[in-house]
Amino acid sequence: MRFFKLSLSFKLVVFCALMAFATQAHALSLTPADADWSGNETSQSAIDAIIAPYIAPSNELYKDNYGGSEEGSLSGSYKTTYSSTSDAIITYEGGDIVGPKAYLLVKDGNGQPGWYLFDLTGWDGKEDIVLSGFWPGSERGGISHVTLYGGAQQVPEPATMLLLGTGLMGLVGFGRKRFKK
């Protein structure tokens, strides 16, 4: 009952604080069956030529080579952890994100099909991507690399969002004060 007697400004402050610190833990799970396109090509140049019409005007922003290095302008923003040669998880580490259009290529060195391409429309760029069941038990290999394509997008800092929220609360308070006069 006491909560209903609190001022609107205080309720707004509490609501904004809760929204600023609320995070959603989601994961996008992908298997070969979820792929939008696939093919048997094994050379990266041949794959690039085939997928170019589907992903244009996207660019390669992040690539992680199994057992190797990360490449691309967003290599500090994402990290790929392989639990096996057929399973991996791509996590957002901070910084710029892929968006608003994004695509994921999962490639094998020798298996068939040689690659899978996913249209990640609707992915926010921050959710984990869980990859499972890619070339399981393959004698010829497994995931050789994953690549994210899209356009880089900056992520607003939490401090900026907090500043915006406090500015809005100030305007509400000022408006209420003027209304009472």
Protein backbone atom coordinates (compact mmCIF):
# COMPACT_ATOMS: atom_id res chain seq x y z
CA MET A 1 0.00 0.00 0.00
CA ARG A 2 2.88 2.31 0.77
CA PHE A 3 4.25 1.95 -2.77
CA PHE A 4 1.11 3.56 -4.19
CA LYS A 5 1.63 6.66 -2.01
CA LEU A 6 5.16 7.25 -3.28
CA SER A 7 5.63 10.12 -5.69
CA LEU A 8 5.53 9.54 -9.38
CA SER A 9 9.07 10.87 -9.70
CA PHE A 10 10.42 8.27 -7.26
CA LYS A 11 8.57 5.48 -9.07
CA LEU A 12 10.04 6.71 -12.34
CA VAL A 13 13.56 6.72 -10.86
CA VAL A 14 13.13 3.15 -9.60
CA PHE A 15 11.72 2.02 -12.94
CA CYS A 16 14.59 3.63 -14.91
CA ALA A 17 17.18 2.08 -12.59
CA LEU A 18 15.65 -1.36 -13.04
CA MET A 19 15.56 -0.95 -16.82
CA ALA A 20 19.18 0.27 -16.93
CA PHE A 21 20.46 -2.83 -15.17
CA ALA A 22 18.07 -5.39 -16.62
CA THR A 23 19.75 -7.79 -19.00
CA GLN A 24 18.29 -10.63 -20.93
CA ALA A 25 20.19 -13.87 -21.21
CA HIS A 26 19.23 -15.41 -24.51
CA ALA A 27 20.98 -17.75 -26.84
CA LEU A 28 20.40 -18.40 -30.50
CA SER A 29 20.80 -22.15 -31.10
CA LEU A 30 21.72 -23.23 -34.62
CA THR A 31 22.15 -26.66 -36.17
CA PRO A 32 22.80 -27.63 -39.80
CA ALA A 33 19.03 -28.10 -40.26
CA ASP A 34 18.51 -24.37 -39.55
CA ALA A 35 20.77 -23.24 -42.42
CA ASP A 36 19.32 -20.99 -45.09
CA TRP A 37 21.94 -22.03 -47.68
CA SER A 38 24.66 -24.68 -47.95
CA GLY A 39 27.06 -25.99 -50.53
CA ASN A 40 29.84 -28.46 -51.22
CA GLU A 41 32.55 -25.96 -52.16
CA THR A 42 35.63 -26.03 -49.94
CA SER A 43 37.67 -23.06 -51.17
CA GLN A 44 36.80 -19.79 -49.45
CA SER A 45 36.96 -17.84 -52.71
CA ALA A 46 34.37 -20.15 -54.31
CA ILE A 47 32.11 -19.84 -51.26
CA ASP A 48 32.47 -16.04 -51.27
CA ALA A 49 31.41 -15.92 -54.93
CA ILE A 50 28.32 -18.07 -54.24
CA ILE A 51 27.11 -16.26 -51.11
CA ALA A 52 27.82 -12.70 -52.35
CA PRO A 53 24.34 -12.19 -53.90
CA TYR A 54 22.64 -13.37 -50.70
CA ILE A 55 24.58 -11.23 -48.24
CA ALA A 56 25.27 -8.07 -50.31
CA PRO A 57 26.14 -5.39 -49.25
CA SER A 58 27.47 -7.07 -46.08
CA ASN A 59 31.17 -7.33 -45.25
CA GLU A 60 33.20 -9.91 -43.38
CA LEU A 61 33.45 -8.46 -39.87
CA TYR A 62 34.53 -11.37 -37.67
CA LYS A 63 36.20 -14.67 -38.42
CA ASP A 64 37.51 -17.24 -35.96
CA ASN A 65 39.67 -20.08 -37.21
CA TYR A 66 39.45 -23.31 -35.20
CA GLY A 67 42.69 -23.65 -33.25
CA GLY A 68 43.94 -20.40 -34.73
CA SER A 69 43.35 -16.70 -34.69
CA GLU A 70 40.52 -14.21 -34.95
CA GLU A 71 40.30 -11.79 -37.86
CA GLY A 72 38.20 -8.80 -38.87
CA SER A 73 37.25 -5.41 -37.55
CA LEU A 74 35.09 -6.93 -34.78
CA SER A 75 37.63 -9.48 -33.56
CA GLY A 76 37.65 -7.84 -30.12
CA SER A 77 33.86 -7.77 -29.92
CA TYR A 78 33.23 -11.51 -30.22
CA LYS A 79 34.86 -14.71 -29.02
CA THR A 80 34.30 -18.26 -30.25
CA THR A 81 34.80 -21.20 -27.91
CA TYR A 82 34.83 -24.70 -29.40
CA SER A 83 33.65 -27.51 -27.13
CA SER A 84 34.44 -30.03 -29.89
CA THR A 85 35.05 -29.92 -33.61
CA SER A 86 31.28 -30.04 -34.19
CA ASP A 87 30.07 -27.65 -31.45
CA ALA A 88 30.91 -24.04 -30.61
CA ILE A 89 29.54 -20.92 -28.96
CA ILE A 90 30.04 -17.35 -30.19
CA THR A 91 29.75 -14.80 -27.38
CA TYR A 92 29.63 -11.03 -27.42
CA GLU A 93 32.53 -9.59 -25.42
CA GLY A 94 31.74 -5.86 -25.75
CA GLY A 95 32.24 -3.07 -28.27
CA ASP A 96 30.63 -2.72 -31.68
CA ILE A 97 28.18 -5.35 -32.90
CA VAL A 98 27.13 -6.89 -36.20
CA GLY A 99 23.91 -5.36 -37.37
CA PRO A 100 21.28 -4.66 -38.34
CA LYS A 101 21.57 -7.34 -41.05
CA ALA A 102 23.83 -10.25 -40.13
CA TYR A 103 24.87 -13.58 -41.59
CA LEU A 104 26.87 -16.47 -40.19
CA LEU A 105 28.99 -18.86 -42.23
CA VAL A 106 30.05 -22.16 -40.63
CA LYS A 107 32.67 -23.95 -42.73
CA ASP A 108 34.31 -27.35 -42.62
CA GLY A 109 37.67 -28.13 -44.09
CA ASN A 110 36.70 -31.37 -45.83
CA GLY A 111 33.16 -32.52 -44.98
CA GLN A 112 30.04 -32.49 -47.11
CA PRO A 113 28.32 -30.14 -47.33
CA GLY A 114 31.36 -27.92 -47.04
CA TRP A 115 29.57 -24.90 -45.54
CA TYR A 116 26.33 -23.58 -44.06
CA LEU A 117 25.08 -19.98 -44.23
CA PHE A 118 22.53 -18.56 -41.79
CA ASP A 119 20.51 -15.36 -42.14
CA LEU A 120 20.54 -13.88 -38.62
CA THR A 121 17.81 -11.30 -39.19
CA GLY A 122 16.35 -10.52 -35.78
CA TRP A 123 19.55 -11.33 -33.89
CA ASP A 124 20.52 -8.39 -31.69
CA GLY A 125 24.27 -8.88 -32.09
CA LYS A 126 24.72 -9.55 -28.38
CA GLU A 127 23.00 -12.89 -27.86
CA ASP A 128 25.19 -15.96 -27.71
CA ILE A 129 25.11 -18.15 -30.81
CA VAL A 130 25.25 -21.83 -29.91
CA LEU A 131 26.36 -24.08 -32.77
CA SER A 132 25.79 -27.82 -32.42
CA GLY A 133 25.84 -30.93 -34.57
CA PHE A 134 28.12 -29.71 -37.37
CA TRP A 135 29.89 -32.68 -38.98
CA PRO A 136 29.74 -34.88 -35.85
CA GLY A 137 32.04 -37.86 -35.84
CA SER A 138 33.50 -36.83 -39.17
CA GLU A 139 36.79 -38.50 -39.93
CA ARG A 140 37.57 -35.67 -42.33
CA GLY A 141 37.28 -32.79 -39.85
CA GLY A 142 34.72 -30.50 -38.29
CA ILE A 143 34.22 -26.75 -38.01
CA SER A 144 37.27 -25.09 -39.58
CA HIS A 145 36.04 -21.52 -39.02
CA VAL A 146 33.03 -19.32 -38.36
CA THR A 147 32.49 -15.95 -40.03
CA LEU A 148 30.04 -13.14 -39.23
CA TYR A 149 29.03 -10.86 -42.09
CA GLY A 150 27.07 -7.63 -41.87
CA GLY A 151 27.51 -3.96 -41.16
CA ALA A 152 29.20 -2.84 -37.94
CA GLN A 153 26.98 -0.95 -35.53
CA GLN A 154 28.05 0.97 -32.43
CA VAL A 155 26.53 0.03 -29.08
CA PRO A 156 25.51 2.88 -26.79
CA GLU A 157 27.34 2.88 -23.49
CA PRO A 158 25.33 2.29 -20.30
CA ALA A 159 26.44 5.69 -19.00
CA THR A 160 24.87 7.34 -22.05
CA MET A 161 21.60 5.55 -21.44
CA LEU A 162 21.69 6.55 -17.76
CA LEU A 163 22.28 10.18 -18.74
CA LEU A 164 19.34 10.05 -21.12
CA GLY A 165 17.13 8.54 -18.40
CA THR A 166 18.05 11.15 -15.81
CA GLY A 167 17.45 13.92 -18.36
CA LEU A 168 14.00 12.55 -19.07
CA MET A 169 13.25 12.33 -15.36
CA GLY A 170 14.35 15.96 -14.96
CA LEU A 171 11.98 17.03 -17.72
CA VAL A 172 9.12 15.13 -16.08
CA GLY A 173 9.88 16.75 -12.72
CA PHE A 174 10.12 20.21 -14.27
CA GLY A 175 6.85 19.68 -16.12
CA ARG A 176 5.06 18.54 -12.96
CA LYS A 177 6.37 21.57 -11.05
CA ARG A 178 5.11 23.96 -13.75
CA PHE A 179 1.77 22.14 -13.93
CA LYS A 180 1.18 22.54 -10.16
CA LYS A 181 1.72 26.33 -10.39
